[in-house]
Amino acid sequence: MRKFMLTLALVCVFTVASFAAHIEVWQFSMANEFARIIQDLIEQEFTPKTGITVSFTAYPSEGFQSKVLLAMVSGDAPDIVTGPVDHLVEYGIRGSIVPLRKEFREELEKIEPRLYSGAGMDHNGQGFGVVQVVGAITGFQRTDILANVGVEYPTTWAELQQIMPKLKAQGHEVAFGYGGPAASPQWGAYILMKQHGGGFVDTVNYTSLLNDPGTIAGFKEYVELYTVHKMPQEINYANMFRTGDLAIFFDSITAYAAVDRSAPELAGRWSYGLMPGTPRPDGTIDHQTFMSATGLAITKTSKHKKEALAFIDWLMQDDIQTKLMEELTKQMPGAMWVTGNKAALSAVPLRDADRVILDKQLAVSTPYAYFPGSMVINRYLEFAVHEVLQVGNTPEQALANAHNLTEQELRQKLAEYERFIKRLL
């Protein structure tokens, strides 16, 4: 009898061990130190509660997409991949990512309310990913300089244009860093185009919006910041903000950490500023900006899809993300990772007043929406900016050229992607 019971116990242990799932996660563009913090928390809290073990591995952004695509083609993909919106939807539209809104609708509807918008990953209603981290372009202001000059941080672009001469007269500039002519100008232009009700591409009908009246108005206002109002085309924001050569600049929200560390003597003399906006017909101000997002997605080849979703659900919970933000601050001082979890924004290392502004900026912005070929086609808007600033074309001419090229490229990409798109619809 004792021998039978021992045998039975061994069988039970072997059975449990056999059915315990192990999932593999490939993390896009994360420091190895932060990946270890996450791995430790997994082993402390997730695995003991669920029995699911996890390998969490960080990879640099360079070459990551090629690595993922090769793994998917060879059938050796991990259970979960992360990446920017355009990467995840590119995988999904080719049939390599689980459409969460179709296969796990109820579970996804419980997860998403905790997070900032993942609209960019919801291509054709598929829901190819869950928001993990967010980024955006926003404003930075030297509050002491504005006070000395006697001006306030602008609410609208018209107000910005009004105060620029006063600031210039005192030796202070206003400029874009990221989003300016020297660093991805398509995203600076995109902000004003969206605020005017325009856009880049209609992602439902796959047609260019570069000939839309709102797009033209926003694009023209953007390039005139340089041609009419003489905004600097290239800046070193860290040095120029510290010296006062820059009173206001626009850049990624994570530039906050760089300014905070490089210029400790400015403590209390600068802050975030909500992106200047454009008045709407109803009298409100549209402050939306270009917002980026990195998401978590489940691969089609995963043998543990439910367990993978359980891990994503756990990872993006309020308390887990808060712990991770707190540990990141302790173990990696100066690092900045803006979680996609709304509640955990309270643990991101920001001053309270700046946290309020960042929350407002993220709340009014949505990620850039994917369309077939978007990683290639968006360069035409960049070319249009340079046509105006370097060649001397009018904004209307430059945008018309970009519109025609975008339409041609879209037709080619639609032919290339037709079989994938039909399968989704």
Protein backbone atom coordinates (compact mmCIF):
# COMPACT_ATOMS: atom_id res chain seq x y z
CA MET A 1 0.00 0.00 0.00
CA ARG A 2 2.83 2.40 0.93
CA LYS A 3 4.57 1.53 -2.35
CA PHE A 4 1.33 2.27 -4.25
CA MET A 5 0.89 5.61 -2.50
CA LEU A 6 4.50 6.60 -3.24
CA THR A 7 4.06 5.68 -6.88
CA LEU A 8 0.81 7.67 -7.03
CA ALA A 9 2.48 10.71 -5.47
CA LEU A 10 5.32 10.55 -7.98
CA VAL A 11 2.82 10.30 -10.83
CA CYS A 12 0.95 13.36 -9.52
CA VAL A 13 4.15 15.37 -9.21
CA PHE A 14 5.23 14.35 -12.70
CA THR A 15 1.78 15.20 -14.09
CA VAL A 16 1.75 18.67 -12.53
CA ALA A 17 5.28 19.31 -13.76
CA SER A 18 4.34 18.13 -17.25
CA PHE A 19 1.41 20.50 -17.51
CA ALA A 20 3.09 23.56 -15.97
CA ALA A 21 3.48 26.04 -18.83
CA HIS A 22 6.63 27.90 -19.67
CA ILE A 23 6.34 31.03 -21.77
CA GLU A 24 9.02 33.05 -23.50
CA VAL A 25 8.90 36.85 -23.85
CA TRP A 26 11.04 38.93 -26.20
CA GLN A 27 11.18 42.52 -25.00
CA PHE A 28 11.83 45.35 -27.44
CA SER A 29 14.33 48.10 -26.54
CA MET A 30 14.69 47.72 -22.78
CA ALA A 31 17.79 47.97 -20.63
CA ASN A 32 18.97 44.61 -19.33
CA GLU A 33 18.88 45.99 -15.78
CA PHE A 34 15.17 46.73 -16.08
CA ALA A 35 14.53 43.32 -17.64
CA ARG A 36 16.15 41.74 -14.57
CA ILE A 37 13.86 43.75 -12.29
CA ILE A 38 10.86 42.36 -14.17
CA GLN A 39 12.26 38.81 -14.15
CA ASP A 40 12.77 39.00 -10.38
CA LEU A 41 9.20 40.16 -9.84
CA ILE A 42 7.92 37.35 -12.06
CA GLU A 43 9.74 34.79 -9.96
CA GLN A 44 8.59 36.37 -6.71
CA GLU A 45 4.91 36.92 -7.51
CA PHE A 46 3.70 35.55 -10.84
CA THR A 47 5.16 32.04 -10.98
CA PRO A 48 4.33 31.09 -7.34
CA LYS A 49 0.69 32.07 -7.88
CA THR A 50 0.17 30.54 -11.31
CA GLY A 51 2.80 27.83 -11.72
CA ILE A 52 3.70 29.44 -15.06
CA THR A 53 7.40 30.07 -15.56
CA VAL A 54 8.61 32.89 -17.77
CA SER A 55 11.81 33.72 -19.63
CA PHE A 56 11.89 37.50 -20.07
CA THR A 57 14.66 38.60 -22.43
CA ALA A 58 15.45 42.16 -23.56
CA TYR A 59 16.81 42.94 -27.02
CA PRO A 60 18.07 46.21 -28.54
CA SER A 61 15.79 47.95 -31.03
CA GLU A 62 18.33 47.66 -33.84
CA GLY A 63 17.67 44.49 -35.81
CA PHE A 64 14.83 43.39 -33.53
CA GLN A 65 12.13 43.29 -36.20
CA SER A 66 14.29 41.19 -38.50
CA LYS A 67 14.95 38.79 -35.62
CA VAL A 68 11.22 38.45 -34.90
CA LEU A 69 10.26 37.99 -38.56
CA LEU A 70 12.92 35.32 -39.02
CA ALA A 71 11.71 33.49 -35.90
CA MET A 72 8.12 33.61 -37.12
CA VAL A 73 9.02 32.29 -40.56
CA SER A 74 11.08 29.47 -39.06
CA GLY A 75 8.37 28.53 -36.54
CA ASP A 76 10.62 29.37 -33.62
CA ALA A 77 8.89 32.51 -32.33
CA PRO A 78 8.45 33.20 -28.60
CA ASP A 79 5.01 33.19 -26.96
CA ILE A 80 4.99 36.97 -26.52
CA VAL A 81 6.69 39.65 -28.58
CA THR A 82 6.76 43.35 -27.92
CA GLY A 83 7.30 46.23 -30.29
CA PRO A 84 6.03 49.54 -31.63
CA VAL A 85 2.53 49.75 -33.06
CA ASP A 86 3.64 49.46 -36.68
CA HIS A 87 5.73 46.35 -35.93
CA LEU A 88 2.95 44.52 -34.12
CA VAL A 89 0.27 45.27 -36.70
CA GLU A 90 2.69 44.33 -39.48
CA TYR A 91 3.09 40.92 -37.83
CA GLY A 92 -0.63 40.68 -37.23
CA ILE A 93 -1.78 41.59 -40.69
CA ARG A 94 0.48 38.81 -42.01
CA GLY A 95 -1.23 36.32 -39.73
CA SER A 96 1.55 35.85 -37.19
CA ILE A 97 -0.09 37.56 -34.18
CA VAL A 98 -3.26 36.55 -32.31
CA PRO A 99 -6.13 39.03 -32.92
CA LEU A 100 -7.00 39.55 -29.26
CA ARG A 101 -10.28 41.33 -29.90
CA LYS A 102 -11.54 38.27 -31.75
CA GLU A 103 -10.09 35.46 -29.67
CA PHE A 104 -10.00 37.00 -26.17
CA ARG A 105 -12.57 39.80 -26.34
CA GLU A 106 -13.84 39.54 -22.75
CA GLU A 107 -10.36 39.35 -21.28
CA LEU A 108 -9.15 42.29 -23.37
CA GLU A 109 -12.12 44.42 -22.34
CA LYS A 110 -11.07 43.94 -18.70
CA ILE A 111 -7.44 44.86 -19.35
CA GLU A 112 -7.79 47.91 -21.61
CA PRO A 113 -9.58 50.32 -19.23
CA ARG A 114 -6.44 50.39 -17.05
CA LEU A 115 -4.30 51.58 -19.95
CA TYR A 116 -3.80 54.58 -22.19
CA SER A 117 -5.26 54.25 -25.67
CA GLY A 118 -4.04 51.41 -27.85
CA ALA A 119 -6.11 52.51 -30.84
CA GLY A 120 -3.15 52.21 -33.15
CA MET A 121 -2.95 48.45 -32.56
CA ASP A 122 -6.65 47.89 -33.19
CA HIS A 123 -6.31 47.68 -36.96
CA ASN A 124 -9.60 46.63 -38.59
CA GLY A 125 -10.96 45.72 -35.15
CA GLN A 126 -8.34 43.06 -34.50
CA GLY A 127 -6.63 44.32 -31.35
CA PHE A 128 -3.18 42.97 -32.11
CA GLY A 129 -1.55 44.13 -28.89
CA VAL A 130 -1.90 45.47 -25.36
CA VAL A 131 -0.26 48.82 -24.55
CA GLN A 132 2.88 48.40 -22.45
CA VAL A 133 4.66 51.75 -22.64
CA VAL A 134 3.75 55.12 -24.13
CA GLY A 135 5.60 58.13 -25.45
CA ALA A 136 4.56 61.48 -26.85
CA ILE A 137 5.87 64.85 -27.93
CA THR A 138 5.10 67.57 -25.42
CA GLY A 139 6.36 70.97 -24.30
CA PHE A 140 9.13 71.98 -21.90
CA GLN A 141 9.28 75.51 -20.49
CA ARG A 142 11.74 77.62 -18.51
CA THR A 143 9.18 79.12 -16.16
CA ASP A 144 11.71 81.60 -14.78
CA ILE A 145 12.53 83.01 -18.23
CA LEU A 146 8.87 83.34 -19.22
CA ALA A 147 8.19 85.20 -15.96
CA ASN A 148 11.15 87.53 -16.48
CA VAL A 149 10.07 88.35 -20.04
CA GLY A 150 6.49 88.85 -18.86
CA VAL A 151 4.80 86.19 -20.99
CA GLU A 152 2.89 83.01 -20.21
CA TYR A 153 3.33 79.56 -21.67
CA PRO A 154 1.07 79.49 -24.77
CA THR A 155 -2.24 77.65 -24.90
CA THR A 156 -2.47 77.86 -28.71
CA TRP A 157 -0.05 78.10 -31.64
CA ALA A 158 -1.33 81.61 -32.30
CA GLU A 159 -0.28 82.61 -28.78
CA LEU A 160 3.11 80.97 -29.34
CA GLN A 161 3.63 83.03 -32.49
CA GLN A 162 2.75 86.18 -30.53
CA ILE A 163 5.31 85.62 -27.76
CA MET A 164 8.17 84.41 -29.99
CA PRO A 165 9.32 87.95 -30.98
CA LYS A 166 9.37 89.03 -27.32
CA LEU A 167 11.45 86.01 -26.36
CA LYS A 168 13.82 86.46 -29.34
CA ALA A 169 14.35 90.08 -28.38
CA GLN A 170 15.68 88.88 -25.02
CA GLY A 171 17.88 86.17 -26.61
CA HIS A 172 15.58 83.20 -26.08
CA GLU A 173 14.34 80.76 -28.72
CA VAL A 174 11.41 78.37 -29.11
CA ALA A 175 12.04 75.18 -31.08
CA PHE A 176 11.24 71.56 -31.81
CA GLY A 177 13.84 68.94 -30.93
CA TYR A 178 12.25 65.65 -31.94
CA GLY A 179 9.65 66.60 -34.54
CA GLY A 180 11.80 69.41 -35.95
CA PRO A 181 13.55 69.54 -39.35
CA ALA A 182 16.68 67.84 -38.04
CA ALA A 183 14.87 65.03 -36.19
CA SER A 184 11.82 63.39 -37.83
CA PRO A 185 9.93 66.52 -38.93
CA GLN A 186 6.99 64.43 -40.14
CA TRP A 187 5.88 64.05 -36.52
CA GLY A 188 5.99 67.76 -35.79
CA ALA A 189 3.95 68.41 -38.93
CA TYR A 190 1.61 65.55 -38.06
CA ILE A 191 0.69 67.20 -34.74
CA LEU A 192 -0.62 70.36 -36.40
CA MET A 193 -2.25 68.40 -39.23
CA LYS A 194 -4.20 66.31 -36.71
CA GLN A 195 -5.14 69.34 -34.62
CA HIS A 196 -6.63 70.92 -37.76
CA GLY A 197 -8.74 67.80 -38.41
CA GLY A 198 -6.51 66.36 -41.11
CA GLY A 199 -4.12 63.44 -41.10
CA PHE A 200 -1.82 61.26 -43.11
CA VAL A 201 -3.74 58.24 -44.43
CA ASP A 202 -7.36 57.08 -44.12
CA THR A 203 -6.66 53.69 -42.54
CA VAL A 204 -10.10 52.31 -43.42
CA ASN A 205 -10.15 53.17 -47.12
CA TYR A 206 -6.36 53.30 -47.54
CA THR A 207 -6.30 56.68 -49.24
CA SER A 208 -4.02 59.65 -48.70
CA LEU A 209 -5.30 62.53 -46.57
CA LEU A 210 -2.49 64.84 -47.62
CA ASN A 211 -4.87 66.79 -49.88
CA ASP A 212 -7.41 67.30 -47.09
CA PRO A 213 -8.03 71.00 -46.25
CA GLY A 214 -7.28 70.40 -42.57
CA THR A 215 -4.04 68.62 -43.44
CA ILE A 216 -2.95 71.47 -45.70
CA ALA A 217 -3.78 74.10 -43.05
CA GLY A 218 -1.85 72.24 -40.34
CA PHE A 219 1.14 71.53 -42.58
CA LYS A 220 1.31 75.16 -43.66
CA GLU A 221 1.20 76.37 -40.07
CA TYR A 222 4.03 73.98 -39.15
CA VAL A 223 6.43 74.98 -41.95
CA GLU A 224 5.66 78.68 -41.39
CA LEU A 225 7.10 78.32 -37.88
CA TYR A 226 10.41 78.18 -39.79
CA THR A 227 9.81 80.23 -42.94
CA VAL A 228 7.87 83.10 -41.32
CA HIS A 229 8.58 82.96 -37.59
CA LYS A 230 12.23 81.84 -37.96
CA MET A 231 12.15 79.01 -35.45
CA PRO A 232 15.61 77.31 -35.27
CA GLN A 233 15.74 74.18 -37.41
CA GLU A 234 18.24 72.35 -35.21
CA ILE A 235 18.88 72.52 -31.48
CA ASN A 236 20.81 70.90 -28.68
CA TYR A 237 18.04 71.10 -26.13
CA ALA A 238 20.07 69.90 -23.13
CA ASN A 239 22.66 72.69 -23.41
CA MET A 240 20.41 75.41 -24.80
CA PHE A 241 17.68 74.88 -22.20
CA ARG A 242 20.25 75.01 -19.40
CA THR A 243 21.88 78.22 -20.66
CA GLY A 244 18.54 79.91 -21.37
CA ASP A 245 19.05 80.06 -25.14
CA LEU A 246 15.86 77.99 -25.27
CA ALA A 247 12.87 79.21 -23.31
CA ILE A 248 10.49 76.58 -24.74
CA PHE A 249 11.11 73.40 -26.69
CA PHE A 250 9.05 70.43 -27.87
CA ASP A 251 10.39 66.90 -27.64
CA SER A 252 9.72 63.39 -26.37
CA ILE A 253 8.29 63.21 -22.86
CA THR A 254 11.37 61.21 -21.83
CA ALA A 255 13.60 64.25 -22.43
CA TYR A 256 12.42 65.13 -18.92
CA ALA A 257 14.97 62.74 -17.40
CA ALA A 258 17.81 64.15 -19.51
CA VAL A 259 17.05 67.74 -18.46
CA ASP A 260 16.59 66.77 -14.83
CA ARG A 261 19.96 65.01 -14.65
CA SER A 262 22.01 67.33 -16.86
CA ALA A 263 20.84 70.57 -15.25
CA PRO A 264 20.20 70.05 -11.52
CA GLU A 265 20.79 73.77 -10.97
CA LEU A 266 17.51 74.46 -12.81
CA ALA A 267 15.41 72.68 -10.19
CA GLY A 268 12.17 74.60 -9.69
CA ARG A 269 12.78 76.77 -12.76
CA TRP A 270 11.32 74.56 -15.50
CA SER A 271 8.42 72.21 -16.12
CA TYR A 272 6.41 70.33 -18.70
CA GLY A 273 3.96 72.34 -20.80
CA LEU A 274 0.91 70.97 -22.57
CA MET A 275 1.43 71.01 -26.33
CA PRO A 276 0.01 74.25 -27.79
CA GLY A 277 -3.34 73.56 -29.41
CA THR A 278 -5.71 74.57 -32.15
CA PRO A 279 -9.20 75.98 -31.45
CA ARG A 280 -12.08 73.72 -32.45
CA PRO A 281 -15.43 75.02 -33.79
CA ASP A 282 -17.04 74.34 -30.38
CA GLY A 283 -14.56 76.65 -28.65
CA THR A 284 -12.43 73.96 -27.02
CA ILE A 285 -8.70 73.63 -27.72
CA ASP A 286 -7.28 70.52 -29.42
CA HIS A 287 -3.96 69.73 -27.68
CA GLN A 288 -3.40 66.31 -29.21
CA THR A 289 0.12 65.34 -30.16
CA PHE A 290 1.97 62.50 -31.81
CA MET A 291 1.83 59.58 -29.38
CA SER A 292 3.85 56.41 -29.70
CA ALA A 293 3.14 53.11 -28.00
CA THR A 294 4.90 49.82 -27.51
CA GLY A 295 2.68 46.81 -26.99
CA LEU A 296 2.65 43.18 -25.92
CA ALA A 297 1.36 40.64 -28.43
CA ILE A 298 0.83 36.88 -28.50
CA THR A 299 2.23 34.92 -31.43
CA LYS A 300 0.04 32.56 -33.45
CA THR A 301 2.51 29.71 -32.94
CA SER A 302 2.41 29.92 -29.14
CA LYS A 303 1.27 26.69 -27.49
CA HIS A 304 0.32 28.58 -24.34
CA LYS A 305 -1.88 31.44 -25.54
CA LYS A 306 -4.11 31.53 -22.45
CA GLU A 307 -1.10 31.50 -20.14
CA ALA A 308 0.53 34.23 -22.23
CA LEU A 309 -2.57 36.39 -21.87
CA ALA A 310 -2.63 35.70 -18.12
CA PHE A 311 0.94 36.97 -17.94
CA ILE A 312 0.11 40.13 -19.91
CA ASP A 313 -2.90 40.74 -17.67
CA TRP A 314 -0.73 40.33 -14.56
CA LEU A 315 2.14 42.45 -15.88
CA MET A 316 -0.09 45.41 -16.72
CA GLN A 317 -2.03 45.43 -13.44
CA ASP A 318 -1.95 48.66 -11.44
CA ASP A 319 0.02 47.30 -8.48
CA ILE A 320 2.56 45.40 -10.57
CA GLN A 321 3.33 48.35 -12.82
CA THR A 322 3.57 50.61 -9.77
CA LYS A 323 6.09 48.25 -8.15
CA LEU A 324 8.11 48.13 -11.36
CA MET A 325 8.21 51.92 -11.67
CA GLU A 326 9.29 52.21 -8.01
CA GLU A 327 12.01 49.58 -8.42
CA LEU A 328 13.23 51.20 -11.62
CA THR A 329 13.61 54.52 -9.81
CA LYS A 330 15.52 52.88 -6.93
CA GLN A 331 17.82 50.65 -8.95
CA MET A 332 18.33 52.81 -12.06
CA PRO A 333 18.30 56.49 -10.97
CA GLY A 334 17.68 58.80 -13.90
CA ALA A 335 16.01 56.16 -16.06
CA MET A 336 12.55 56.99 -17.38
CA TRP A 337 10.01 54.47 -18.61
CA VAL A 338 6.46 55.79 -19.02
CA THR A 339 4.17 52.87 -18.37
CA GLY A 340 0.97 52.48 -20.35
CA ASN A 341 -0.87 51.85 -17.07
CA LYS A 342 -2.72 55.00 -16.01
CA ALA A 343 -2.65 54.36 -12.25
CA ALA A 344 1.06 53.55 -12.22
CA LEU A 345 1.90 56.96 -13.69
CA SER A 346 1.91 58.04 -10.04
CA ALA A 347 5.16 56.09 -9.57
CA VAL A 348 7.00 57.53 -12.59
CA PRO A 349 9.73 59.87 -11.25
CA LEU A 350 8.15 63.26 -11.97
CA ARG A 351 7.24 66.30 -9.94
CA ASP A 352 3.53 66.25 -9.07
CA ALA A 353 2.63 69.26 -11.22
CA ASP A 354 4.45 67.73 -14.19
CA ARG A 355 2.67 64.42 -13.66
CA VAL A 356 -0.67 66.21 -14.00
CA ILE A 357 0.40 67.81 -17.29
CA LEU A 358 1.76 64.52 -18.66
CA ASP A 359 -1.46 62.72 -17.77
CA LYS A 360 -3.45 65.40 -19.62
CA GLN A 361 -1.16 65.17 -22.65
CA LEU A 362 -1.46 61.39 -22.85
CA ALA A 363 -5.21 61.49 -22.28
CA VAL A 364 -5.84 63.70 -25.33
CA SER A 365 -3.47 61.86 -27.66
CA THR A 366 -3.74 58.56 -29.51
CA PRO A 367 -1.06 56.46 -31.21
CA TYR A 368 -0.31 56.90 -34.88
CA ALA A 369 -2.60 54.51 -36.77
CA TYR A 370 -0.99 51.75 -38.83
CA PHE A 371 -1.60 51.22 -42.54
CA PRO A 372 0.14 48.83 -44.99
CA GLY A 373 3.58 50.17 -45.81
CA SER A 374 3.41 52.90 -43.16
CA MET A 375 7.03 52.41 -42.13
CA VAL A 376 8.07 53.37 -45.67
CA ILE A 377 5.32 55.75 -46.75
CA ASN A 378 5.60 58.22 -43.86
CA ARG A 379 8.92 59.43 -45.31
CA TYR A 380 6.99 61.34 -47.99
CA LEU A 381 5.73 63.78 -45.37
CA GLU A 382 9.30 64.27 -44.19
CA PHE A 383 10.34 64.95 -47.79
CA ALA A 384 7.57 67.54 -48.07
CA VAL A 385 8.93 69.48 -45.08
CA HIS A 386 12.40 69.58 -46.62
CA GLU A 387 11.00 70.60 -50.01
CA VAL A 388 9.65 73.73 -48.38
CA LEU A 389 12.62 74.51 -46.13
CA GLN A 390 15.49 73.47 -48.38
CA VAL A 391 14.19 73.71 -51.95
CA GLY A 392 11.78 76.61 -51.54
CA ASN A 393 8.59 74.95 -52.80
CA THR A 394 5.31 76.28 -51.43
CA PRO A 395 3.63 74.20 -48.74
CA GLU A 396 0.83 73.41 -51.19
CA GLN A 397 3.25 72.20 -53.87
CA ALA A 398 5.25 70.07 -51.46
CA LEU A 399 2.16 68.48 -49.95
CA ALA A 400 0.66 67.81 -53.40
CA ASN A 401 3.84 65.96 -54.36
CA ALA A 402 3.72 63.95 -51.13
CA HIS A 403 0.04 63.18 -51.72
CA ASN A 404 0.70 61.79 -55.20
CA LEU A 405 3.64 59.66 -54.04
CA THR A 406 1.64 58.38 -51.06
CA GLU A 407 -1.27 57.40 -53.32
CA GLN A 408 1.06 55.54 -55.70
CA GLU A 409 2.78 53.71 -52.87
CA LEU A 410 -0.53 52.83 -51.21
CA ARG A 411 -1.83 51.25 -54.41
CA GLN A 412 1.34 49.14 -54.66
CA LYS A 413 1.18 48.12 -51.01
CA LEU A 414 -2.52 47.26 -51.22
CA ALA A 415 -1.79 44.93 -54.12
CA GLU A 416 1.03 43.37 -52.10
CA TYR A 417 -1.10 43.04 -48.95
CA GLU A 418 -4.44 42.20 -50.58
CA ARG A 419 -4.48 38.55 -49.55
CA PHE A 420 -3.65 39.46 -45.95
CA ILE A 421 -6.29 42.20 -45.72
CA LYS A 422 -9.04 40.00 -47.19
CA ARG A 423 -8.30 37.37 -44.59
CA LEU A 424 -8.76 39.93 -41.82
CA LEU A 425 -12.07 41.42 -43.00
